[in-house]
PDB file of all heavy atoms in Angstrom:
ATOM      1  N   GLN A   1      47.763 108.110   6.173  1.00  0.00           N
ATOM      2  CA  GLN A   1      47.907 106.980   7.087  1.00  0.00           C
ATOM      3  C   GLN A   1      48.956 107.286   8.164  1.00  0.00           C
ATOM      4  O   GLN A   1      48.777 106.953   9.329  1.00  0.00           O
ATOM      5  CB  GLN A   1      48.284 105.715   6.318  1.00  0.00           C
ATOM      6  CG  GLN A   1      47.135 105.139   5.515  1.00  0.00           C
ATOM      7  CD  GLN A   1      47.560 103.896   4.712  1.00  0.00           C
ATOM      8  OE1 GLN A   1      48.746 103.574   4.626  1.00  0.00           O
ATOM      9  NE2 GLN A   1      46.572 103.233   4.120  1.00  0.00           N
ATOM     10  N   ALA A   2      50.018 107.928   7.761  1.00  0.00           N
ATOM     11  CA  ALA A   2      51.063 108.287   8.715  1.00  0.00           C
ATOM     12  C   ALA A   2      50.525 109.280   9.736  1.00  0.00           C
ATOM     13  O   ALA A   2      50.770 109.158  10.938  1.00  0.00           O
ATOM     14  CB  ALA A   2      52.267 108.864   7.992  1.00  0.00           C
ATOM     15  N   SER A   3      49.764 110.251   9.243  1.00  0.00           N
ATOM     16  CA  SER A   3      49.157 111.237  10.126  1.00  0.00           C
ATOM     17  C   SER A   3      48.191 110.561  11.097  1.00  0.00           C
ATOM     18  O   SER A   3      48.145 110.879  12.289  1.00  0.00           O
ATOM     19  CB  SER A   3      48.444 112.305   9.311  1.00  0.00           C
ATOM     20  OG  SER A   3      47.799 113.210  10.159  1.00  0.00           O
ATOM     21  N   SER A   4      47.419 109.629  10.560  1.00  0.00           N
ATOM     22  CA  SER A   4      46.481 108.884  11.389  1.00  0.00           C
ATOM     23  C   SER A   4      47.222 108.073  12.451  1.00  0.00           C
ATOM     24  O   SER A   4      46.823 108.023  13.610  1.00  0.00           O
ATOM     25  CB  SER A   4      45.637 107.964  10.508  1.00  0.00           C
ATOM     26  OG  SER A   4      44.769 107.185  11.291  1.00  0.00           O
ATOM     27  N   LEU A   5      48.333 107.417  12.051  1.00  0.00           N
ATOM     28  CA  LEU A   5      49.128 106.655  13.007  1.00  0.00           C
ATOM     29  C   LEU A   5      49.737 107.556  14.080  1.00  0.00           C
ATOM     30  O   LEU A   5      49.782 107.199  15.252  1.00  0.00           O
ATOM     31  CB  LEU A   5      50.226 105.875  12.282  1.00  0.00           C
ATOM     32  CG  LEU A   5      49.761 104.671  11.459  1.00  0.00           C
ATOM     33  CD1 LEU A   5      50.936 104.096  10.658  1.00  0.00           C
ATOM     34  CD2 LEU A   5      49.158 103.609  12.351  1.00  0.00           C
ATOM     35  N   VAL A   6      50.196 108.729  13.671  1.00  0.00           N
ATOM     36  CA  VAL A   6      50.758 109.681  14.638  1.00  0.00           C
ATOM     37  C   VAL A   6      49.685 110.107  15.628  1.00  0.00           C
ATOM     38  O   VAL A   6      49.915 110.161  16.846  1.00  0.00           O
ATOM     39  CB  VAL A   6      51.376 110.897  13.915  1.00  0.00           C
ATOM     40  CG1 VAL A   6      51.688 112.022  14.892  1.00  0.00           C
ATOM     41  CG2 VAL A   6      52.628 110.487  13.159  1.00  0.00           C
ATOM     42  N   THR A   7      48.483 110.393  15.111  1.00  0.00           N
ATOM     43  CA  THR A   7      47.366 110.784  15.988  1.00  0.00           C
ATOM     44  C   THR A   7      47.028 109.648  16.950  1.00  0.00           C
ATOM     45  O   THR A   7      46.840 109.859  18.146  1.00  0.00           O
ATOM     46  CB  THR A   7      46.131 111.173  15.153  1.00  0.00           C
ATOM     47  OG1 THR A   7      46.487 112.245  14.280  1.00  0.00           O
ATOM     48  CG2 THR A   7      44.994 111.599  16.033  1.00  0.00           C
ATOM     49  N   GLU A   8      46.962 108.423  16.433  1.00  0.00           N
ATOM     50  CA  GLU A   8      46.686 107.256  17.279  1.00  0.00           C
ATOM     51  C   GLU A   8      47.754 107.097  18.348  1.00  0.00           C
ATOM     52  O   GLU A   8      47.459 106.783  19.499  1.00  0.00           O
ATOM     53  CB  GLU A   8      46.644 105.977  16.426  1.00  0.00           C
ATOM     54  CG  GLU A   8      45.281 105.593  15.939  1.00  0.00           C
ATOM     55  CD  GLU A   8      45.314 104.234  15.223  1.00  0.00           C
ATOM     56  OE1 GLU A   8      45.745 103.241  15.833  1.00  0.00           O
ATOM     57  OE2 GLU A   8      44.898 104.204  14.062  1.00  0.00           O
ATOM     58  N   ALA A   9      48.999 107.281  17.946  1.00  0.00           N
ATOM     59  CA  ALA A   9      50.108 107.148  18.886  1.00  0.00           C
ATOM     60  C   ALA A   9      50.003 108.192  19.993  1.00  0.00           C
ATOM     61  O   ALA A   9      50.232 107.891  21.166  1.00  0.00           O
ATOM     62  CB  ALA A   9      51.433 107.264  18.157  1.00  0.00           C
ATOM     63  N   ARG A  10      49.631 109.414  19.627  1.00  0.00           N
ATOM     64  CA  ARG A  10      49.479 110.479  20.629  1.00  0.00           C
ATOM     65  C   ARG A  10      48.344 110.155  21.594  1.00  0.00           C
ATOM     66  O   ARG A  10      48.466 110.350  22.809  1.00  0.00           O
ATOM     67  CB  ARG A  10      49.230 111.823  19.935  1.00  0.00           C
ATOM     68  CG  ARG A  10      50.459 112.390  19.310  1.00  0.00           C
ATOM     69  CD  ARG A  10      50.198 113.747  18.696  1.00  0.00           C
ATOM     70  NE  ARG A  10      51.395 114.252  18.051  1.00  0.00           N
ATOM     71  CZ  ARG A  10      51.403 115.016  16.987  1.00  0.00           C
ATOM     72  NH1 ARG A  10      50.261 115.381  16.416  1.00  0.00           N
ATOM     73  NH2 ARG A  10      52.533 115.430  16.470  1.00  0.00           N
ATOM     74  N   VAL A  11      47.232 109.659  21.045  1.00  0.00           N
ATOM     75  CA  VAL A  11      46.088 109.289  21.890  1.00  0.00           C
ATOM     76  C   VAL A  11      46.501 108.158  22.837  1.00  0.00           C
ATOM     77  O   VAL A  11      46.213 108.190  24.037  1.00  0.00           O
ATOM     78  CB  VAL A  11      44.869 108.879  21.026  1.00  0.00           C
ATOM     79  CG1 VAL A  11      43.789 108.223  21.875  1.00  0.00           C
ATOM     80  CG2 VAL A  11      44.311 110.090  20.287  1.00  0.00           C
ATOM     81  N   TYR A  12      47.193 107.155  22.287  1.00  0.00           N
ATOM     82  CA  TYR A  12      47.637 106.020  23.091  1.00  0.00           C
ATOM     83  C   TYR A  12      48.609 106.474  24.184  1.00  0.00           C
ATOM     84  O   TYR A  12      48.527 106.044  25.329  1.00  0.00           O
ATOM     85  CB  TYR A  12      48.285 104.962  22.194  1.00  0.00           C
ATOM     86  CG  TYR A  12      48.652 103.697  22.913  1.00  0.00           C
ATOM     87  CD1 TYR A  12      47.666 102.831  23.384  1.00  0.00           C
ATOM     88  CD2 TYR A  12      49.985 103.370  23.128  1.00  0.00           C
ATOM     89  CE1 TYR A  12      48.002 101.664  24.060  1.00  0.00           C
ATOM     90  CE2 TYR A  12      50.331 102.203  23.790  1.00  0.00           C
ATOM     91  CZ  TYR A  12      49.342 101.353  24.255  1.00  0.00           C
ATOM     92  OH  TYR A  12      49.677 100.205  24.914  1.00  0.00           O
ATOM     93  N   LYS A  13      49.520 107.391  23.802  1.00  0.00           N
ATOM     94  CA  LYS A  13      50.485 107.933  24.758  1.00  0.00           C
ATOM     95  C   LYS A  13      49.757 108.659  25.886  1.00  0.00           C
ATOM     96  O   LYS A  13      50.060 108.459  27.073  1.00  0.00           O
ATOM     97  CB  LYS A  13      51.435 108.887  24.038  1.00  0.00           C
ATOM     98  CG  LYS A  13      52.406 109.610  24.949  1.00  0.00           C
ATOM     99  CD  LYS A  13      53.227 110.620  24.158  1.00  0.00           C
ATOM    100  CE  LYS A  13      53.882 111.623  25.051  1.00  0.00           C
ATOM    101  NZ  LYS A  13      54.493 112.713  24.308  1.00  0.00           N
ATOM    102  N   THR A  14      48.780 109.484  25.543  1.00  0.00           N
ATOM    103  CA  THR A  14      48.007 110.212  26.547  1.00  0.00           C
ATOM    104  C   THR A  14      47.259 109.242  27.453  1.00  0.00           C
ATOM    105  O   THR A  14      47.222 109.417  28.675  1.00  0.00           O
ATOM    106  CB  THR A  14      47.008 111.173  25.862  1.00  0.00           C
ATOM    107  OG1 THR A  14      47.747 112.075  25.026  1.00  0.00           O
ATOM    108  CG2 THR A  14      46.211 111.963  26.875  1.00  0.00           C
ATOM    109  N   MET A  15      46.693 108.197  26.844  1.00  0.00           N
ATOM    110  CA  MET A  15      45.965 107.192  27.614  1.00  0.00           C
ATOM    111  C   MET A  15      46.909 106.490  28.604  1.00  0.00           C
ATOM    112  O   MET A  15      46.584 106.298  29.765  1.00  0.00           O
ATOM    113  CB  MET A  15      45.327 106.166  26.680  1.00  0.00           C
ATOM    114  CG  MET A  15      44.492 105.124  27.407  1.00  0.00           C
ATOM    115  SD  MET A  15      43.904 103.842  26.298  1.00  0.00           S
ATOM    116  CE  MET A  15      45.413 102.924  26.037  1.00  0.00           C
ATOM    117  N   LEU A  16      48.100 106.131  28.130  1.00  0.00           N
ATOM    118  CA  LEU A  16      49.067 105.472  29.006  1.00  0.00           C
ATOM    119  C   LEU A  16      49.513 106.391  30.140  1.00  0.00           C
ATOM    120  O   LEU A  16      49.653 105.965  31.287  1.00  0.00           O
ATOM    121  CB  LEU A  16      50.288 105.009  28.201  1.00  0.00           C
ATOM    122  CG  LEU A  16      50.086 103.779  27.316  1.00  0.00           C
ATOM    123  CD1 LEU A  16      51.373 103.495  26.534  1.00  0.00           C
ATOM    124  CD2 LEU A  16      49.713 102.570  28.149  1.00  0.00           C
ATOM    125  N   ILE A  17      49.739 107.649  29.816  1.00  0.00           N
ATOM    126  CA  ILE A  17      50.143 108.622  30.838  1.00  0.00           C
ATOM    127  C   ILE A  17      49.049 108.748  31.894  1.00  0.00           C
ATOM    128  O   ILE A  17      49.329 108.715  33.098  1.00  0.00           O
ATOM    129  CB  ILE A  17      50.483 109.991  30.203  1.00  0.00           C
ATOM    130  CG1 ILE A  17      51.795 109.889  29.432  1.00  0.00           C
ATOM    131  CG2 ILE A  17      50.552 111.093  31.259  1.00  0.00           C
ATOM    132  CD1 ILE A  17      52.126 111.117  28.600  1.00  0.00           C
ATOM    133  N   ASN A  18      47.807 108.876  31.443  1.00  0.00           N
ATOM    134  CA  ASN A  18      46.699 109.013  32.387  1.00  0.00           C
ATOM    135  C   ASN A  18      46.537 107.756  33.252  1.00  0.00           C
ATOM    136  O   ASN A  18      46.287 107.841  34.454  1.00  0.00           O
ATOM    137  CB  ASN A  18      45.398 109.319  31.656  1.00  0.00           C
ATOM    138  CG  ASN A  18      45.367 110.719  31.098  1.00  0.00           C
ATOM    139  OD1 ASN A  18      46.097 111.601  31.561  1.00  0.00           O
ATOM    140  ND2 ASN A  18      44.557 110.940  30.079  1.00  0.00           N
ATOM    141  N   LYS A  19      46.677 106.594  32.609  1.00  0.00           N
ATOM    142  CA  LYS A  19      46.551 105.328  33.332  1.00  0.00           C
ATOM    143  C   LYS A  19      47.671 105.202  34.370  1.00  0.00           C
ATOM    144  O   LYS A  19      47.435 104.807  35.513  1.00  0.00           O
ATOM    145  CB  LYS A  19      46.609 104.166  32.338  1.00  0.00           C
ATOM    146  CG  LYS A  19      46.236 102.837  32.907  1.00  0.00           C
ATOM    147  CD  LYS A  19      46.190 101.795  31.789  1.00  0.00           C
ATOM    148  CE  LYS A  19      45.708 100.454  32.303  1.00  0.00           C
ATOM    149  NZ  LYS A  19      45.658  99.455  31.242  1.00  0.00           N
ATOM    150  N   THR A  20      48.877 105.554  33.973  1.00  0.00           N
ATOM    151  CA  THR A  20      50.024 105.491  34.884  1.00  0.00           C
ATOM    152  C   THR A  20      49.848 106.478  36.034  1.00  0.00           C
ATOM    153  O   THR A  20      50.123 106.160  37.191  1.00  0.00           O
ATOM    154  CB  THR A  20      51.327 105.786  34.120  1.00  0.00           C
ATOM    155  OG1 THR A  20      51.451 104.856  33.043  1.00  0.00           O
ATOM    156  CG2 THR A  20      52.532 105.691  35.022  1.00  0.00           C
ATOM    157  N   LYS A  21      49.375 107.662  35.703  1.00  0.00           N
ATOM    158  CA  LYS A  21      49.137 108.682  36.729  1.00  0.00           C
ATOM    159  C   LYS A  21      48.095 108.202  37.734  1.00  0.00           C
ATOM    160  O   LYS A  21      48.282 108.332  38.945  1.00  0.00           O
ATOM    161  CB  LYS A  21      48.680 109.982  36.069  1.00  0.00           C
ATOM    162  CG  LYS A  21      48.463 111.122  37.019  1.00  0.00           C
ATOM    163  CD  LYS A  21      48.031 112.378  36.276  1.00  0.00           C
ATOM    164  CE  LYS A  21      47.710 113.501  37.228  1.00  0.00           C
ATOM    165  NZ  LYS A  21      47.221 114.685  36.541  1.00  0.00           N
ATOM    166  N   LYS A  22      47.014 107.604  37.222  1.00  0.00           N
ATOM    167  CA  LYS A  22      45.952 107.102  38.102  1.00  0.00           C
ATOM    168  C   LYS A  22      46.495 105.995  39.000  1.00  0.00           C
ATOM    169  O   LYS A  22      46.229 105.961  40.204  1.00  0.00           O
ATOM    170  CB  LYS A  22      44.781 106.584  37.275  1.00  0.00           C
ATOM    171  CG  LYS A  22      43.615 106.112  38.120  1.00  0.00           C
ATOM    172  CD  LYS A  22      42.462 105.648  37.265  1.00  0.00           C
ATOM    173  CE  LYS A  22      41.326 105.146  38.143  1.00  0.00           C
ATOM    174  NZ  LYS A  22      40.219 104.626  37.366  1.00  0.00           N
ATOM    175  N   ARG A  23      47.270 105.074  38.420  1.00  0.00           N
ATOM    176  CA  ARG A  23      47.845 103.975  39.201  1.00  0.00           C
ATOM    177  C   ARG A  23      48.782 104.521  40.281  1.00  0.00           C
ATOM    178  O   ARG A  23      48.779 104.061  41.420  1.00  0.00           O
ATOM    179  CB  ARG A  23      48.596 103.014  38.288  1.00  0.00           C
ATOM    180  CG  ARG A  23      49.027 101.746  39.009  1.00  0.00           C
ATOM    181  CD  ARG A  23      49.723 100.751  38.112  1.00  0.00           C
ATOM    182  NE  ARG A  23      48.966 100.432  36.911  1.00  0.00           N
ATOM    183  CZ  ARG A  23      49.501 100.328  35.700  1.00  0.00           C
ATOM    184  NH1 ARG A  23      50.797 100.514  35.524  1.00  0.00           N
ATOM    185  NH2 ARG A  23      48.767 100.018  34.657  1.00  0.00           N
ATOM    186  N   ALA A  24      49.568 105.514  39.918  1.00  0.00           N
ATOM    187  CA  ALA A  24      50.499 106.112  40.888  1.00  0.00           C
ATOM    188  C   ALA A  24      49.731 106.788  42.024  1.00  0.00           C
ATOM    189  O   ALA A  24      50.109 106.679  43.197  1.00  0.00           O
ATOM    190  CB  ALA A  24      51.417 107.115  40.193  1.00  0.00           C
ATOM    191  N   GLU A  25      48.642 107.479  41.695  1.00  0.00           N
ATOM    192  CA  GLU A  25      47.827 108.127  42.723  1.00  0.00           C
ATOM    193  C   GLU A  25      47.194 107.088  43.647  1.00  0.00           C
ATOM    194  O   GLU A  25      47.133 107.285  44.869  1.00  0.00           O
ATOM    195  CB  GLU A  25      46.746 108.992  42.072  1.00  0.00           C
ATOM    196  CG  GLU A  25      47.288 110.258  41.428  1.00  0.00           C
ATOM    197  CD  GLU A  25      46.246 111.004  40.608  1.00  0.00           C
ATOM    198  OE1 GLU A  25      45.144 110.463  40.376  1.00  0.00           O
ATOM    199  OE2 GLU A  25      46.548 112.141  40.200  1.00  0.00           O
ATOM    200  N   GLU A  26      46.734 105.980  43.070  1.00  0.00           N
ATOM    201  CA  GLU A  26      46.136 104.919  43.887  1.00  0.00           C
ATOM    202  C   GLU A  26      47.184 104.301  44.815  1.00  0.00           C
ATOM    203  O   GLU A  26      46.915 104.041  45.985  1.00  0.00           O
ATOM    204  CB  GLU A  26      45.519 103.841  42.992  1.00  0.00           C
ATOM    205  CG  GLU A  26      44.260 104.290  42.290  1.00  0.00           C
ATOM    206  CD  GLU A  26      43.765 103.300  41.242  1.00  0.00           C
ATOM    207  OE1 GLU A  26      44.472 102.306  40.950  1.00  0.00           O
ATOM    208  OE2 GLU A  26      42.659 103.523  40.706  1.00  0.00           O
ATOM    209  N   GLN A  27      48.383 104.074  44.283  1.00  0.00           N
ATOM    210  CA  GLN A  27      49.451 103.509  45.111  1.00  0.00           C
ATOM    211  C   GLN A  27      49.843 104.474  46.225  1.00  0.00           C
ATOM    212  O   GLN A  27      50.078 104.063  47.360  1.00  0.00           O
ATOM    213  CB  GLN A  27      50.667 103.158  44.251  1.00  0.00           C
ATOM    214  CG  GLN A  27      50.468 101.937  43.383  1.00  0.00           C
ATOM    215  CD  GLN A  27      51.671 101.653  42.483  1.00  0.00           C
ATOM    216  OE1 GLN A  27      52.529 102.496  42.291  1.00  0.00           O
ATOM    217  NE2 GLN A  27      51.710 100.447  41.925  1.00  0.00           N
ATOM    218  N   ALA A  28      49.906 105.749  45.896  1.00  0.00           N
ATOM    219  CA  ALA A  28      50.252 106.757  46.903  1.00  0.00           C
ATOM    220  C   ALA A  28      49.181 106.790  47.994  1.00  0.00           C
ATOM    221  O   ALA A  28      49.510 106.847  49.187  1.00  0.00           O
ATOM    222  CB  ALA A  28      50.400 108.131  46.260  1.00  0.00           C
ATOM    223  N   ALA A  29      47.920 106.736  47.589  1.00  0.00           N
ATOM    224  CA  ALA A  29      46.830 106.733  48.577  1.00  0.00           C
ATOM    225  C   ALA A  29      46.919 105.492  49.460  1.00  0.00           C
ATOM    226  O   ALA A  29      46.729 105.566  50.683  1.00  0.00           O
ATOM    227  CB  ALA A  29      45.479 106.797  47.871  1.00  0.00           C
ATOM    228  N   SER A  30      47.230 104.362  48.852  1.00  0.00           N
ATOM    229  CA  SER A  30      47.371 103.114  49.606  1.00  0.00           C
ATOM    230  C   SER A  30      48.528 103.209  50.596  1.00  0.00           C
ATOM    231  O   SER A  30      48.412 102.797  51.756  1.00  0.00           O
ATOM    232  CB  SER A  30      47.582 101.944  48.653  1.00  0.00           C
ATOM    233  OG  SER A  30      47.807 100.757  49.364  1.00  0.00           O
ATOM    234  N   LEU A  31      49.643 103.747  50.151  1.00  0.00           N
ATOM    235  CA  LEU A  31      50.800 103.900  51.038  1.00  0.00           C
ATOM    236  C   LEU A  31      50.487 104.842  52.200  1.00  0.00           C
ATOM    237  O   LEU A  31      50.880 104.587  53.342  1.00  0.00           O
ATOM    238  CB  LEU A  31      52.011 104.416  50.256  1.00  0.00           C
ATOM    239  CG  LEU A  31      52.646 103.422  49.290  1.00  0.00           C
ATOM    240  CD1 LEU A  31      53.719 104.113  48.449  1.00  0.00           C
ATOM    241  CD2 LEU A  31      53.248 102.250  50.042  1.00  0.00           C
ATOM    242  N   LEU A  32      49.779 105.920  51.894  1.00  0.00           N
ATOM    243  CA  LEU A  32      49.405 106.859  52.958  1.00  0.00           C
ATOM    244  C   LEU A  32      48.480 106.190  53.969  1.00  0.00           C
ATOM    245  O   LEU A  32      48.612 106.384  55.182  1.00  0.00           O
ATOM    246  CB  LEU A  32      48.729 108.098  52.370  1.00  0.00           C
ATOM    247  CG  LEU A  32      49.664 109.091  51.687  1.00  0.00           C
ATOM    248  CD1 LEU A  32      48.858 110.189  51.008  1.00  0.00           C
ATOM    249  CD2 LEU A  32      50.632 109.693  52.688  1.00  0.00           C
ATOM    250  N   LEU A  33      47.538 105.398  53.479  1.00  0.00           N
ATOM    251  CA  LEU A  33      46.631 104.688  54.372  1.00  0.00           C
ATOM    252  C   LEU A  33      47.401 103.714  55.255  1.00  0.00           C
ATOM    253  O   LEU A  33      47.185 103.648  56.469  1.00  0.00           O
ATOM    254  CB  LEU A  33      45.567 103.940  53.555  1.00  0.00           C
ATOM    255  CG  LEU A  33      44.524 103.173  54.361  1.00  0.00           C
ATOM    256  CD1 LEU A  33      43.729 104.124  55.238  1.00  0.00           C
ATOM    257  CD2 LEU A  33      43.596 102.414  53.432  1.00  0.00           C
ATOM    258  N   ASN A  34      48.327 102.962  54.636  1.00  0.00           N
ATOM    259  CA  ASN A  34      49.151 102.029  55.410  1.00  0.00           C
ATOM    260  C   ASN A  34      49.984 102.765  56.458  1.00  0.00           C
ATOM    261  O   ASN A  34      50.134 102.292  57.587  1.00  0.00           O
ATOM    262  CB  ASN A  34      50.064 101.218  54.496  1.00  0.00           C
ATOM    263  CG  ASN A  34      49.317 100.189  53.688  1.00  0.00           C
ATOM    264  OD1 ASN A  34      48.203  99.817  54.032  1.00  0.00           O
ATOM    265  ND2 ASN A  34      49.912  99.722  52.614  1.00  0.00           N
ATOM    266  N   ALA A  35      50.519 103.907  56.072  1.00  0.00           N
ATOM    267  CA  ALA A  35      51.317 104.701  57.012  1.00  0.00           C
ATOM    268  C   ALA A  35      50.456 105.178  58.182  1.00  0.00           C
ATOM    269  O   ALA A  35      50.893 105.147  59.340  1.00  0.00           O
ATOM    270  CB  ALA A  35      51.953 105.885  56.291  1.00  0.00           C
ATOM    271  N   ASP A  36      49.239 105.609  57.885  1.00  0.00           N
ATOM    272  CA  ASP A  36      48.326 106.047  58.948  1.00  0.00           C
ATOM    273  C   ASP A  36      48.006 104.895  59.896  1.00  0.00           C
ATOM    274  O   ASP A  36      47.992 105.075  61.120  1.00  0.00           O
ATOM    275  CB  ASP A  36      47.030 106.603  58.359  1.00  0.00           C
ATOM    276  CG  ASP A  36      47.192 108.000  57.788  1.00  0.00           C
ATOM    277  OD1 ASP A  36      48.199 108.665  58.122  1.00  0.00           O
ATOM    278  OD2 ASP A  36      46.310 108.425  57.011  1.00  0.00           O
ATOM    279  N   VAL A  37      47.755 103.727  59.340  1.00  0.00           N
ATOM    280  CA  VAL A  37      47.438 102.561  60.165  1.00  0.00           C
ATOM    281  C   VAL A  37      48.629 102.211  61.056  1.00  0.00           C
ATOM    282  O   VAL A  37      48.476 101.976  62.262  1.00  0.00           O
ATOM    283  CB  VAL A  37      47.035 101.349  59.285  1.00  0.00           C
ATOM    284  CG1 VAL A  37      46.983 100.067  60.083  1.00  0.00           C
ATOM    285  CG2 VAL A  37      45.688 101.609  58.615  1.00  0.00           C
ATOM    286  N   ARG A  38      49.826 102.196  60.464  1.00  0.00           N
ATOM    287  CA  ARG A  38      51.020 101.896  61.254  1.00  0.00           C
ATOM    288  C   ARG A  38      51.242 102.934  62.343  1.00  0.00           C
ATOM    289  O   ARG A  38      51.608 102.603  63.476  1.00  0.00           O
ATOM    290  CB  ARG A  38      52.251 101.828  60.360  1.00  0.00           C
ATOM    291  CG  ARG A  38      52.321 100.568  59.550  1.00  0.00           C
ATOM    292  CD  ARG A  38      53.615 100.490  58.788  1.00  0.00           C
ATOM    293  NE  ARG A  38      53.678  99.254  58.022  1.00  0.00           N
ATOM    294  CZ  ARG A  38      54.663  98.941  57.234  1.00  0.00           C
ATOM    295  NH1 ARG A  38      55.685  99.774  57.091  1.00  0.00           N
ATOM    296  NH2 ARG A  38      54.667  97.803  56.574  1.00  0.00           N
ATOM    297  N   CYS A  39      51.017 104.175  61.990  1.00  0.00           N
ATOM    298  CA  CYS A  39      51.190 105.253  62.961  1.00  0.00           C
ATOM    299  C   CYS A  39      50.242 105.053  64.144  1.00  0.00           C
ATOM    300  O   CYS A  39      50.642 105.173  65.304  1.00  0.00           O
ATOM    301  CB  CYS A  39      50.945 106.606  62.294  1.00  0.00           C
ATOM    302  SG  CYS A  39      51.178 108.012  63.394  1.00  0.00           S
ATOM    303  N   LYS A  40      48.984 104.738  63.855  1.00  0.00           N
ATOM    304  CA  LYS A  40      48.012 104.504  64.929  1.00  0.00           C
ATOM    305  C   LYS A  40      48.412 103.296  65.762  1.00  0.00           C
ATOM    306  O   LYS A  40      48.292 103.316  66.992  1.00  0.00           O
ATOM    307  CB  LYS A  40      46.614 104.321  64.345  1.00  0.00           C
ATOM    308  CG  LYS A  40      46.011 105.611  63.837  1.00  0.00           C
ATOM    309  CD  LYS A  40      44.647 105.416  63.221  1.00  0.00           C
ATOM    310  CE  LYS A  40      44.141 106.726  62.650  1.00  0.00           C
ATOM    311  NZ  LYS A  40      42.854 106.571  61.957  1.00  0.00           N
ATOM    312  N   ASN A  41      48.896 102.237  65.113  1.00  0.00           N
ATOM    313  CA  ASN A  41      49.333 101.050  65.845  1.00  0.00           C
ATOM    314  C   ASN A  41      50.496 101.382  66.771  1.00  0.00           C
ATOM    315  O   ASN A  41      50.508 100.967  67.935  1.00  0.00           O
ATOM    316  CB  ASN A  41      49.728  99.921  64.891  1.00  0.00           C
ATOM    317  CG  ASN A  41      48.534  99.300  64.210  1.00  0.00           C
ATOM    318  OD1 ASN A  41      47.406  99.427  64.661  1.00  0.00           O
ATOM    319  ND2 ASN A  41      48.778  98.613  63.112  1.00  0.00           N
ATOM    320  N   TYR A  42      51.482 102.116  66.250  1.00  0.00           N
ATOM    321  CA  TYR A  42      52.628 102.504  67.077  1.00  0.00           C
ATOM    322  C   TYR A  42      52.177 103.383  68.237  1.00  0.00           C
ATOM    323  O   TYR A  42      52.676 103.250  69.358  1.00  0.00           O
ATOM    324  CB  TYR A  42      53.690 103.232  66.254  1.00  0.00           C
ATOM    325  CG  TYR A  42      54.428 102.354  65.282  1.00  0.00           C
ATOM    326  CD1 TYR A  42      54.794 102.821  64.028  1.00  0.00           C
ATOM    327  CD2 TYR A  42      54.780 101.045  65.607  1.00  0.00           C
ATOM    328  CE1 TYR A  42      55.481 102.010  63.129  1.00  0.00           C
ATOM    329  CE2 TYR A  42      55.462 100.236  64.712  1.00  0.00           C
ATOM    330  CZ  TYR A  42      55.812 100.727  63.486  1.00  0.00           C
ATOM    331  OH  TYR A  42      56.481  99.931  62.595  1.00  0.00           O
ATOM    332  N   GLU A  43      51.238 104.268  67.957  1.00  0.00           N
ATOM    333  CA  GLU A  43      50.731 105.147  69.004  1.00  0.00           C
ATOM    334  C   GLU A  43      50.041 104.333  70.097  1.00  0.00           C
ATOM    335  O   GLU A  43      50.252 104.568  71.287  1.00  0.00           O
ATOM    336  CB  GLU A  43      49.753 106.155  68.388  1.00  0.00           C
ATOM    337  CG  GLU A  43      49.295 107.226  69.345  1.00  0.00           C
ATOM    338  CD  GLU A  43      48.416 108.254  68.671  1.00  0.00           C
ATOM    339  OE1 GLU A  43      48.737 108.683  67.559  1.00  0.00           O
ATOM    340  OE2 GLU A  43      47.395 108.620  69.278  1.00  0.00           O
TER     341      GLU A  43
END
C-alpha cells in the first residue's frame, strides 16, 4: 500500500508539474501576444 501510495504521489506530482508547465506556457504566450499588440499600437 505504501508503494502504491508513493507511485500515486509520483504520478500526481508529474501531473501537477505538467499542468503547471502548460499553464505557464499559455500565460507566456498570452503575454507575448499582448506585448505584440501593444507594440503595434505604439508603432
